[in-house]
Amino acid sequence: FEVRPWGGTGSAGMLRIPANEVVMTRFKSPINKLDGYSRLWAIGRWIDTEESITKSRWAQFINKARPELWIELGPGYEDPDDNMIARLESKIAQKHQGEMNTGKPLVTPSGAKATVLSFSPNEMDYFNSETQMAEMILSALGVPKAAVGMVQDMTFGSVLATLMTFCEQTINPLLTMLGQTDTKQLASRWDEDDRKCKLWYDNCTPADPSQVNSDLGVDMTCNALTPNEVRVMRGRKPYRLGGNNPLVQGPGGLMPLPINEE
């Protein structure tokens, strides 16, 4: 494998990496047992379509002429020169441009005719098609719209549930695959007779606050939790004395049960 600096070799030259020093991760392919098959490759046509929509949308705004008023001059003005056209445009703009001139009547010379031009809402078609392509691409990549900020009128609970689903169904499987590949291809190089090396990634799913509080209540009922454990979960410093014993109901209320420390 060769690594070259962007823009040319420059003073850094070229870095050569032996193939046995490179760990390759392949997404499983539904059509080949040896080669990988990435999602980006699978939805290449969708991405090309979205790029074409964006380019066409930009070109329409750049190239389209959208006059809002057509002035048809009377007899004798069949071929007005540029100065006359500029003078007429200046008069119309001076009297009718701006929000304070909305609705003012337009007076034309005898024989002239003013026609209001209307256009079909092509922009709405772009909106619908681009929204559809965006949703298709996000769904193929396993990304919910809430994860990229495409949310409307969603509560904190619904956003949290969406992000939890995103982590469970997309991020965690990817991290599991990377951990398994790195364990097999990289960590195994440091294996010994009595020791096996393993690489893994922690679960990235955010905790549900209501479920955490419910679990804490059950644990406290069963005397299976100590105050220090609760304080650490809440991000607080543990007590120096007595915090490692569970609390039980005594004659005078809650009291520590000295089973971990005196």
Protein backbone atom coordinates (compact mmCIF):
# COMPACT_ATOMS: atom_id res chain seq x y z
CA PHE A 1 0.00 0.00 0.00
CA GLU A 2 1.23 3.50 -0.86
CA VAL A 3 0.34 6.73 0.91
CA ARG A 4 1.04 9.93 -1.00
CA PRO A 5 0.62 13.48 0.28
CA TRP A 6 -2.24 15.35 -1.36
CA GLY A 7 -1.20 17.47 -4.32
CA GLY A 8 1.97 15.56 -5.19
CA THR A 9 4.88 13.88 -3.53
CA GLY A 10 6.41 17.10 -2.20
CA SER A 11 9.22 16.93 0.32
CA ALA A 12 7.55 14.15 2.32
CA GLY A 13 7.89 11.67 -0.49
CA MET A 14 5.82 8.50 -0.54
CA LEU A 15 5.12 6.12 2.35
CA ARG A 16 4.97 2.40 1.58
CA ILE A 17 3.11 0.15 4.05
CA PRO A 18 3.48 -3.64 3.83
CA ALA A 19 0.24 -5.47 3.10
CA ASN A 20 0.57 -7.60 6.25
CA GLU A 21 0.48 -4.41 8.33
CA VAL A 22 -2.91 -3.32 6.98
CA VAL A 23 -6.16 -4.58 8.52
CA MET A 24 -9.00 -4.55 6.00
CA THR A 25 -12.63 -4.56 7.10
CA ARG A 26 -15.21 -5.70 4.57
CA PHE A 27 -18.97 -5.42 4.77
CA LYS A 28 -20.60 -8.73 3.90
CA SER A 29 -21.74 -8.99 0.32
CA PRO A 30 -25.05 -10.61 -0.65
CA ILE A 31 -23.60 -11.58 -4.05
CA ASN A 32 -20.00 -12.62 -3.32
CA LYS A 33 -18.42 -14.66 -0.52
CA LEU A 34 -14.97 -13.06 -0.91
CA ASP A 35 -15.39 -9.40 -1.79
CA GLY A 36 -17.02 -6.81 0.41
CA TYR A 37 -20.07 -4.81 -0.58
CA SER A 38 -20.50 -1.39 1.00
CA ARG A 39 -23.82 0.39 1.39
CA LEU A 40 -22.43 3.41 -0.43
CA TRP A 41 -21.76 1.22 -3.44
CA ALA A 42 -25.20 -0.38 -3.21
CA ILE A 43 -27.01 2.99 -3.30
CA GLY A 44 -24.65 4.67 -5.77
CA ARG A 45 -27.52 5.37 -8.21
CA TRP A 46 -29.57 7.04 -5.48
CA ILE A 47 -26.68 9.33 -4.57
CA ASP A 48 -26.06 10.18 -8.23
CA THR A 49 -29.75 11.00 -8.62
CA GLU A 50 -29.69 13.32 -5.59
CA GLU A 51 -26.60 15.09 -6.94
CA SER A 52 -28.30 15.51 -10.32
CA ILE A 53 -31.38 17.00 -8.64
CA THR A 54 -29.22 19.50 -6.75
CA LYS A 55 -27.28 20.48 -9.90
CA SER A 56 -30.49 20.85 -11.92
CA ARG A 57 -32.05 22.94 -9.15
CA TRP A 58 -29.02 25.24 -9.01
CA ALA A 59 -28.89 25.54 -12.82
CA GLN A 60 -32.56 26.49 -12.97
CA PHE A 61 -32.08 29.39 -10.57
CA ILE A 62 -28.96 30.56 -12.41
CA ASN A 63 -30.24 30.24 -15.98
CA LYS A 64 -33.96 30.91 -15.78
CA ALA A 65 -35.31 34.37 -16.59
CA ARG A 66 -38.43 35.10 -14.55
CA PRO A 67 -40.00 38.44 -15.55
CA GLU A 68 -43.25 39.09 -13.68
CA LEU A 69 -44.80 41.65 -16.09
CA TRP A 70 -45.06 41.78 -19.88
CA ILE A 71 -45.59 45.23 -21.44
CA GLU A 72 -46.89 45.06 -25.02
CA LEU A 73 -46.39 48.43 -26.70
CA GLY A 74 -48.89 49.95 -29.12
CA PRO A 75 -48.51 50.73 -32.82
CA GLY A 76 -45.42 52.73 -33.68
CA TYR A 77 -43.27 51.01 -31.05
CA GLU A 78 -42.73 47.70 -32.85
CA ASP A 79 -38.95 47.87 -32.44
CA PRO A 80 -38.02 49.99 -29.38
CA ASP A 81 -34.34 50.69 -28.91
CA ASP A 82 -32.40 49.97 -25.74
CA ASN A 83 -32.74 53.50 -24.39
CA MET A 84 -36.53 53.40 -24.61
CA ILE A 85 -36.67 49.98 -22.97
CA ALA A 86 -34.41 51.17 -20.15
CA ARG A 87 -36.54 54.28 -19.63
CA LEU A 88 -39.76 52.25 -19.42
CA GLU A 89 -38.20 49.76 -17.01
CA SER A 90 -36.94 52.61 -14.81
CA LYS A 91 -40.37 54.25 -14.66
CA ILE A 92 -42.12 51.00 -13.76
CA ALA A 93 -39.51 50.09 -11.13
CA GLN A 94 -39.57 53.57 -9.57
CA LYS A 95 -43.34 53.54 -9.12
CA HIS A 96 -44.09 49.89 -8.43
CA GLN A 97 -41.05 48.26 -6.82
CA GLY A 98 -40.95 47.68 -3.07
CA GLU A 99 -43.45 46.60 -0.45
CA MET A 100 -44.95 50.09 -0.06
CA ASN A 101 -45.96 50.18 -3.73
CA THR A 102 -47.84 46.88 -3.68
CA GLY A 103 -51.25 47.17 -5.34
CA LYS A 104 -50.70 50.52 -7.07
CA PRO A 105 -52.44 50.80 -10.43
CA LEU A 106 -50.36 50.59 -13.59
CA VAL A 107 -51.16 53.19 -16.26
CA THR A 108 -49.91 52.55 -19.80
CA PRO A 109 -49.98 54.70 -22.95
CA SER A 110 -52.74 54.27 -25.50
CA GLY A 111 -52.44 50.94 -27.27
CA ALA A 112 -50.04 49.42 -24.69
CA LYS A 113 -51.03 46.25 -22.85
CA ALA A 114 -49.69 44.88 -19.53
CA THR A 115 -49.92 41.16 -18.81
CA VAL A 116 -49.01 39.50 -15.51
CA LEU A 117 -46.88 36.40 -16.02
CA SER A 118 -47.29 33.27 -13.91
CA PHE A 119 -45.06 30.22 -13.61
CA SER A 120 -45.66 26.65 -12.57
CA PRO A 121 -44.34 25.76 -9.10
CA ASN A 122 -41.33 23.74 -10.29
CA GLU A 123 -39.62 24.33 -6.96
CA MET A 124 -42.25 22.17 -5.26
CA ASP A 125 -41.29 19.25 -7.52
CA TYR A 126 -37.65 19.64 -6.53
CA PHE A 127 -38.64 19.69 -2.86
CA ASN A 128 -40.67 16.50 -3.11
CA SER A 129 -38.10 14.58 -5.15
CA GLU A 130 -35.11 15.67 -3.08
CA THR A 131 -36.92 14.87 0.17
CA GLN A 132 -37.72 11.39 -1.15
CA MET A 133 -34.11 10.76 -2.20
CA ALA A 134 -32.78 12.00 1.15
CA GLU A 135 -35.08 9.63 3.04
CA MET A 136 -34.09 6.70 0.80
CA ILE A 137 -30.38 7.33 1.29
CA LEU A 138 -30.73 7.74 5.06
CA SER A 139 -32.78 4.56 5.35
CA ALA A 140 -30.19 2.57 3.38
CA LEU A 141 -27.46 3.77 5.71
CA GLY A 142 -29.58 3.04 8.78
CA VAL A 143 -29.69 6.69 9.87
CA PRO A 144 -32.99 8.10 11.21
CA LYS A 145 -33.89 11.65 10.31
CA ALA A 146 -33.70 12.75 13.94
CA ALA A 147 -30.00 11.80 14.03
CA VAL A 148 -29.18 14.44 11.37
CA GLY A 149 -31.49 17.15 12.70
CA MET A 150 -34.40 16.53 10.29
CA VAL A 151 -37.07 16.63 12.99
CA GLN A 152 -40.28 18.57 13.45
CA ASP A 153 -42.49 18.75 16.52
CA MET A 154 -40.70 15.89 18.30
CA THR A 155 -40.47 15.61 22.06
CA PHE A 156 -37.31 14.77 24.00
CA GLY A 157 -38.59 11.26 24.62
CA SER A 158 -39.25 10.57 20.93
CA VAL A 159 -35.85 11.96 19.90
CA LEU A 160 -34.14 9.87 22.58
CA ALA A 161 -35.98 6.75 21.45
CA THR A 162 -34.94 7.41 17.85
CA LEU A 163 -31.29 7.84 18.83
CA MET A 164 -31.42 4.67 20.95
CA THR A 165 -32.76 2.75 17.94
CA PHE A 166 -30.02 4.25 15.78
CA CYS A 167 -27.35 3.08 18.21
CA GLU A 168 -28.87 -0.39 18.66
CA GLN A 169 -29.51 -1.14 14.99
CA THR A 170 -26.72 0.75 13.22
CA ILE A 171 -23.83 1.91 15.42
CA ASN A 172 -23.50 -1.07 17.76
CA PRO A 173 -23.53 -3.71 14.98
CA LEU A 174 -20.84 -1.73 13.16
CA LEU A 175 -18.71 -1.47 16.31
CA THR A 176 -19.20 -5.20 16.95
CA MET A 177 -18.01 -6.01 13.44
CA LEU A 178 -14.96 -3.74 13.83
CA GLY A 179 -14.14 -5.28 17.22
CA GLN A 180 -14.33 -8.80 15.80
CA THR A 181 -12.19 -7.90 12.80
CA ASP A 182 -9.58 -6.12 14.93
CA THR A 183 -9.51 -9.01 17.39
CA LYS A 184 -8.89 -11.54 14.64
CA GLN A 185 -6.52 -9.53 12.45
CA LEU A 186 -4.73 -7.26 14.94
CA ALA A 187 -5.04 -8.34 18.57
CA SER A 188 -4.22 -11.97 17.72
CA ARG A 189 -0.65 -10.92 16.98
CA TRP A 190 -0.11 -10.51 20.72
CA ASP A 191 -1.78 -13.77 21.77
CA GLU A 192 0.14 -16.07 24.09
CA ASP A 193 -0.39 -19.62 25.30
CA ASP A 194 -2.20 -18.52 28.45
CA ARG A 195 -3.60 -15.21 27.23
CA LYS A 196 -5.81 -14.10 24.39
CA CYS A 197 -6.06 -10.45 23.41
CA LYS A 198 -9.42 -8.99 22.49
CA LEU A 199 -10.54 -5.61 21.17
CA TRP A 200 -14.09 -4.35 21.66
CA TYR A 201 -16.18 -1.20 21.80
CA ASP A 202 -18.55 -0.29 24.60
CA ASN A 203 -22.28 -0.10 23.99
CA CYS A 204 -23.01 3.44 22.81
CA THR A 205 -26.79 3.32 23.35
CA PRO A 206 -27.82 6.22 25.62
CA ALA A 207 -29.55 5.28 28.83
CA ASP A 208 -33.28 5.85 29.22
CA PRO A 209 -33.65 8.11 32.31
CA SER A 210 -37.06 6.68 33.24
CA GLN A 211 -35.79 3.10 32.98
CA VAL A 212 -32.71 3.95 35.07
CA ASN A 213 -34.89 5.39 37.82
CA SER A 214 -37.18 2.35 37.70
CA ASP A 215 -34.21 -0.03 38.01
CA LEU A 216 -32.84 1.97 40.92
CA GLY A 217 -36.16 1.70 42.71
CA VAL A 218 -36.26 -2.08 42.31
CA ASP A 219 -32.63 -2.43 43.47
CA MET A 220 -33.27 -0.27 46.52
CA THR A 221 -36.31 -2.38 47.41
CA CYS A 222 -34.19 -5.53 47.29
CA ASN A 223 -31.36 -3.87 49.26
CA ALA A 224 -29.09 -4.60 46.29
CA LEU A 225 -27.71 -1.09 45.95
CA THR A 226 -25.48 1.11 48.08
CA PRO A 227 -25.59 4.91 48.35
CA ASN A 228 -22.12 5.20 46.82
CA GLU A 229 -23.21 3.20 43.78
CA VAL A 230 -26.13 5.55 43.29
CA ARG A 231 -23.94 8.63 43.75
CA VAL A 232 -21.43 7.38 41.19
CA MET A 233 -24.23 6.74 38.69
CA ARG A 234 -25.46 10.30 39.27
CA GLY A 235 -21.97 11.73 38.73
CA ARG A 236 -21.33 12.62 42.39
CA LYS A 237 -18.41 11.77 44.64
CA PRO A 238 -18.91 8.70 46.89
CA TYR A 239 -19.17 9.06 50.64
CA ARG A 240 -15.96 8.39 52.54
CA LEU A 241 -17.68 6.61 55.44
CA GLY A 242 -20.70 4.33 55.42
CA GLY A 243 -21.58 4.72 51.78
CA ASN A 244 -20.62 1.18 50.79
CA ASN A 245 -23.35 -0.48 52.86
CA PRO A 246 -26.89 -0.95 51.55
CA LEU A 247 -29.70 0.91 53.28
CA VAL A 248 -32.44 -1.13 54.94
CA GLN A 249 -35.58 -0.21 56.82
CA GLY A 250 -34.86 -0.14 60.53
CA PRO A 251 -36.80 0.86 63.65
CA GLY A 252 -35.98 4.51 63.11
CA GLY A 253 -36.18 4.54 59.33
CA LEU A 254 -33.50 3.80 56.75
CA MET A 255 -30.21 2.67 58.22
CA PRO A 256 -27.02 1.12 56.75
CA LEU A 257 -26.60 -2.63 56.87
CA PRO A 258 -22.89 -3.22 57.68
CA ILE A 259 -22.15 -6.10 55.36
CA ASN A 260 -19.39 -4.46 53.29
CA GLU A 261 -17.62 -2.31 55.87
CA GLU A 262 -17.85 -1.50 59.55
